[in-house]
Amino acid sequence: MKASEFDQRFDADEDVTQLLDLAQARRPGLVSKRVNVDFPAWMVHSLDKEARKLGVTRQSLIKLWLADKLEHPKQAV
């Protein structure tokens, strides 16, 4: 099938998932890489407290905060 035909079917709101090999699907830029970071105990306690308030895990909170910081860095002073 040509890409133009696929695009036409997609644009016509047809279900095109049966035409895809989802086992080969990848999400660029979202591959996880494990890192280890040591935090002082007081910081872990504070992270856990904030995570509980928001109803998320410590890891999720750290990821949210880092993503926000990286997307919206403060201008240099």
N, C-alpha and C. Protein backbone atom coordinates (compact mmCIF):
# COMPACT_ATOMS: atom_id res chain seq x y z
N MET A 1 0.85 -1.17 0.00
CA MET A 1 0.00 0.00 0.00
C MET A 1 0.90 1.23 0.00
N LYS A 2 0.54 2.19 -0.78
CA LYS A 2 1.29 3.44 -0.84
C LYS A 2 0.90 4.31 0.36
N ALA A 3 1.82 5.16 0.74
CA ALA A 3 1.59 6.06 1.87
C ALA A 3 0.39 6.97 1.61
N SER A 4 0.21 7.39 0.38
CA SER A 4 -0.91 8.28 0.06
C SER A 4 -2.25 7.59 0.30
N GLU A 5 -2.33 6.29 -0.03
CA GLU A 5 -3.57 5.55 0.22
C GLU A 5 -3.80 5.38 1.72
N PHE A 6 -2.72 5.08 2.44
CA PHE A 6 -2.82 4.97 3.89
C PHE A 6 -3.32 6.28 4.49
N ASP A 7 -2.73 7.39 4.04
CA ASP A 7 -3.14 8.71 4.52
C ASP A 7 -4.61 9.00 4.24
N GLN A 8 -5.07 8.61 3.05
CA GLN A 8 -6.47 8.83 2.69
C GLN A 8 -7.40 8.05 3.62
N ARG A 9 -7.04 6.80 3.88
CA ARG A 9 -7.86 5.98 4.78
C ARG A 9 -7.87 6.58 6.18
N PHE A 10 -6.70 6.99 6.64
CA PHE A 10 -6.61 7.60 7.97
C PHE A 10 -7.45 8.87 8.04
N ASP A 11 -7.30 9.72 7.04
CA ASP A 11 -8.06 10.98 7.00
C ASP A 11 -9.57 10.75 6.90
N ALA A 12 -9.97 9.59 6.36
CA ALA A 12 -11.39 9.26 6.24
C ALA A 12 -11.90 8.58 7.52
N ASP A 13 -11.10 8.61 8.57
CA ASP A 13 -11.44 8.02 9.88
C ASP A 13 -11.64 6.52 9.82
N GLU A 14 -10.98 5.85 8.86
CA GLU A 14 -11.01 4.39 8.83
C GLU A 14 -10.05 3.86 9.88
N ASP A 15 -10.32 2.68 10.37
CA ASP A 15 -9.43 2.03 11.33
C ASP A 15 -8.26 1.44 10.54
N VAL A 16 -7.09 2.05 10.70
CA VAL A 16 -5.91 1.61 9.96
C VAL A 16 -4.97 0.76 10.81
N THR A 17 -5.37 0.45 12.03
CA THR A 17 -4.48 -0.31 12.91
C THR A 17 -4.18 -1.70 12.37
N GLN A 18 -5.12 -2.32 11.66
CA GLN A 18 -4.87 -3.65 11.11
C GLN A 18 -3.82 -3.61 10.01
N LEU A 19 -3.51 -2.43 9.50
CA LEU A 19 -2.50 -2.29 8.45
C LEU A 19 -1.10 -2.07 9.02
N LEU A 20 -1.00 -1.94 10.32
CA LEU A 20 0.27 -1.64 10.97
C LEU A 20 0.84 -2.87 11.66
N ASP A 21 2.15 -2.95 11.70
CA ASP A 21 2.84 -3.99 12.47
C ASP A 21 3.21 -3.37 13.81
N LEU A 22 2.29 -3.46 14.77
CA LEU A 22 2.48 -2.80 16.05
C LEU A 22 3.61 -3.41 16.87
N ALA A 23 4.02 -4.63 16.55
CA ALA A 23 5.15 -5.24 17.24
C ALA A 23 6.45 -4.50 16.92
N GLN A 24 6.46 -3.82 15.79
CA GLN A 24 7.65 -3.08 15.37
C GLN A 24 7.56 -1.58 15.70
N ALA A 25 6.46 -1.16 16.30
CA ALA A 25 6.24 0.26 16.58
C ALA A 25 7.22 0.74 17.65
N ARG A 26 7.73 1.94 17.46
CA ARG A 26 8.65 2.57 18.41
C ARG A 26 8.20 3.99 18.67
N ARG A 27 8.52 4.49 19.84
CA ARG A 27 8.21 5.87 20.19
C ARG A 27 9.54 6.62 20.34
N PRO A 28 9.99 7.29 19.29
CA PRO A 28 11.29 7.96 19.33
C PRO A 28 11.40 8.94 20.49
N GLY A 29 12.54 8.94 21.12
CA GLY A 29 12.78 9.87 22.21
C GLY A 29 12.20 9.44 23.54
N LEU A 30 11.51 8.31 23.59
CA LEU A 30 10.89 7.87 24.83
C LEU A 30 11.49 6.57 25.36
N VAL A 31 12.63 6.18 24.82
CA VAL A 31 13.30 4.99 25.32
C VAL A 31 13.85 5.30 26.70
N SER A 32 13.58 4.43 27.66
CA SER A 32 14.02 4.68 29.02
C SER A 32 15.47 4.29 29.19
N LYS A 33 16.15 5.03 30.04
CA LYS A 33 17.51 4.72 30.42
C LYS A 33 17.59 4.89 31.93
N ARG A 34 18.02 3.86 32.61
CA ARG A 34 18.09 3.88 34.07
C ARG A 34 19.29 4.67 34.53
N VAL A 35 19.07 5.54 35.52
CA VAL A 35 20.15 6.28 36.16
C VAL A 35 19.99 6.16 37.67
N ASN A 36 21.07 6.25 38.36
CA ASN A 36 21.04 6.22 39.82
C ASN A 36 21.47 7.58 40.34
N VAL A 37 20.70 8.11 41.26
CA VAL A 37 21.00 9.40 41.87
C VAL A 37 20.90 9.23 43.38
N ASP A 38 21.90 9.70 44.08
CA ASP A 38 21.87 9.66 45.54
C ASP A 38 21.37 11.00 46.06
N PHE A 39 20.36 10.94 46.94
CA PHE A 39 19.80 12.13 47.56
C PHE A 39 20.03 12.04 49.06
N PRO A 40 20.19 13.18 49.72
CA PRO A 40 20.24 13.14 51.18
C PRO A 40 18.89 12.69 51.74
N ALA A 41 18.91 12.10 52.92
CA ALA A 41 17.69 11.56 53.53
C ALA A 41 16.60 12.61 53.66
N TRP A 42 16.96 13.83 54.03
CA TRP A 42 15.94 14.87 54.20
C TRP A 42 15.23 15.15 52.88
N MET A 43 15.96 15.04 51.76
CA MET A 43 15.38 15.31 50.46
C MET A 43 14.41 14.18 50.05
N VAL A 44 14.80 12.95 50.34
CA VAL A 44 13.91 11.81 50.05
C VAL A 44 12.63 11.95 50.85
N HIS A 45 12.76 12.33 52.12
CA HIS A 45 11.57 12.54 52.97
C HIS A 45 10.66 13.62 52.36
N SER A 46 11.26 14.72 51.95
CA SER A 46 10.47 15.81 51.36
C SER A 46 9.83 15.40 50.04
N LEU A 47 10.56 14.65 49.23
CA LEU A 47 10.00 14.15 47.97
C LEU A 47 8.82 13.23 48.23
N ASP A 48 8.98 12.32 49.20
CA ASP A 48 7.90 11.39 49.52
C ASP A 48 6.66 12.13 50.03
N LYS A 49 6.88 13.15 50.84
CA LYS A 49 5.76 13.94 51.38
C LYS A 49 5.01 14.64 50.24
N GLU A 50 5.75 15.25 49.33
CA GLU A 50 5.12 15.94 48.20
C GLU A 50 4.43 14.95 47.27
N ALA A 51 5.06 13.81 47.04
CA ALA A 51 4.46 12.79 46.18
C ALA A 51 3.14 12.29 46.76
N ARG A 52 3.10 12.08 48.08
CA ARG A 52 1.84 11.65 48.72
C ARG A 52 0.76 12.70 48.55
N LYS A 53 1.12 13.98 48.70
CA LYS A 53 0.13 15.05 48.53
C LYS A 53 -0.47 15.03 47.13
N LEU A 54 0.37 14.73 46.14
CA LEU A 54 -0.10 14.73 44.75
C LEU A 54 -0.65 13.38 44.30
N GLY A 55 -0.48 12.35 45.14
CA GLY A 55 -0.99 11.02 44.80
C GLY A 55 -0.20 10.33 43.71
N VAL A 56 1.11 10.58 43.67
CA VAL A 56 1.97 9.94 42.68
C VAL A 56 3.15 9.29 43.40
N THR A 57 3.93 8.52 42.67
CA THR A 57 5.12 7.91 43.26
C THR A 57 6.26 8.93 43.28
N ARG A 58 7.25 8.63 44.09
CA ARG A 58 8.44 9.49 44.15
C ARG A 58 9.08 9.59 42.77
N GLN A 59 9.21 8.47 42.09
CA GLN A 59 9.82 8.47 40.77
C GLN A 59 9.03 9.34 39.80
N SER A 60 7.72 9.24 39.84
CA SER A 60 6.88 10.05 38.95
C SER A 60 7.04 11.53 39.25
N LEU A 61 7.10 11.87 40.52
CA LEU A 61 7.27 13.27 40.91
C LEU A 61 8.60 13.81 40.39
N ILE A 62 9.66 13.05 40.56
CA ILE A 62 10.97 13.50 40.09
C ILE A 62 10.95 13.67 38.58
N LYS A 63 10.35 12.73 37.86
CA LYS A 63 10.28 12.84 36.40
C LYS A 63 9.47 14.07 35.98
N LEU A 64 8.34 14.30 36.66
CA LEU A 64 7.51 15.47 36.33
C LEU A 64 8.28 16.76 36.54
N TRP A 65 8.94 16.87 37.68
CA TRP A 65 9.68 18.09 38.00
C TRP A 65 10.85 18.31 37.05
N LEU A 66 11.58 17.24 36.73
CA LEU A 66 12.71 17.38 35.82
C LEU A 66 12.23 17.75 34.41
N ALA A 67 11.17 17.11 33.95
CA ALA A 67 10.64 17.42 32.62
C ALA A 67 10.20 18.88 32.55
N ASP A 68 9.53 19.35 33.61
CA ASP A 68 9.09 20.75 33.64
C ASP A 68 10.29 21.69 33.60
N LYS A 69 11.30 21.38 34.37
CA LYS A 69 12.50 22.23 34.42
C LYS A 69 13.21 22.24 33.07
N LEU A 70 13.29 21.09 32.42
CA LEU A 70 13.98 21.01 31.14
C LEU A 70 13.18 21.68 30.02
N GLU A 71 11.86 21.67 30.12
CA GLU A 71 11.02 22.31 29.10
C GLU A 71 10.91 23.80 29.31
N HIS A 72 11.05 24.25 30.55
CA HIS A 72 10.87 25.66 30.87
C HIS A 72 12.05 26.17 31.72
N PRO A 73 13.25 26.16 31.19
CA PRO A 73 14.38 26.61 32.00
C PRO A 73 14.30 28.11 32.26
N LYS A 74 14.74 28.51 33.44
CA LYS A 74 14.77 29.94 33.76
C LYS A 74 15.87 30.59 32.96
N GLN A 75 15.66 31.84 32.63
CA GLN A 75 16.69 32.57 31.90
C GLN A 75 17.85 32.84 32.83
N ALA A 76 19.05 32.87 32.27
CA ALA A 76 20.25 33.12 33.09
C ALA A 76 20.16 34.50 33.74
N VAL A 77 20.62 34.58 34.95
CA VAL A 77 20.56 35.84 35.70
C VAL A 77 21.77 36.68 35.38
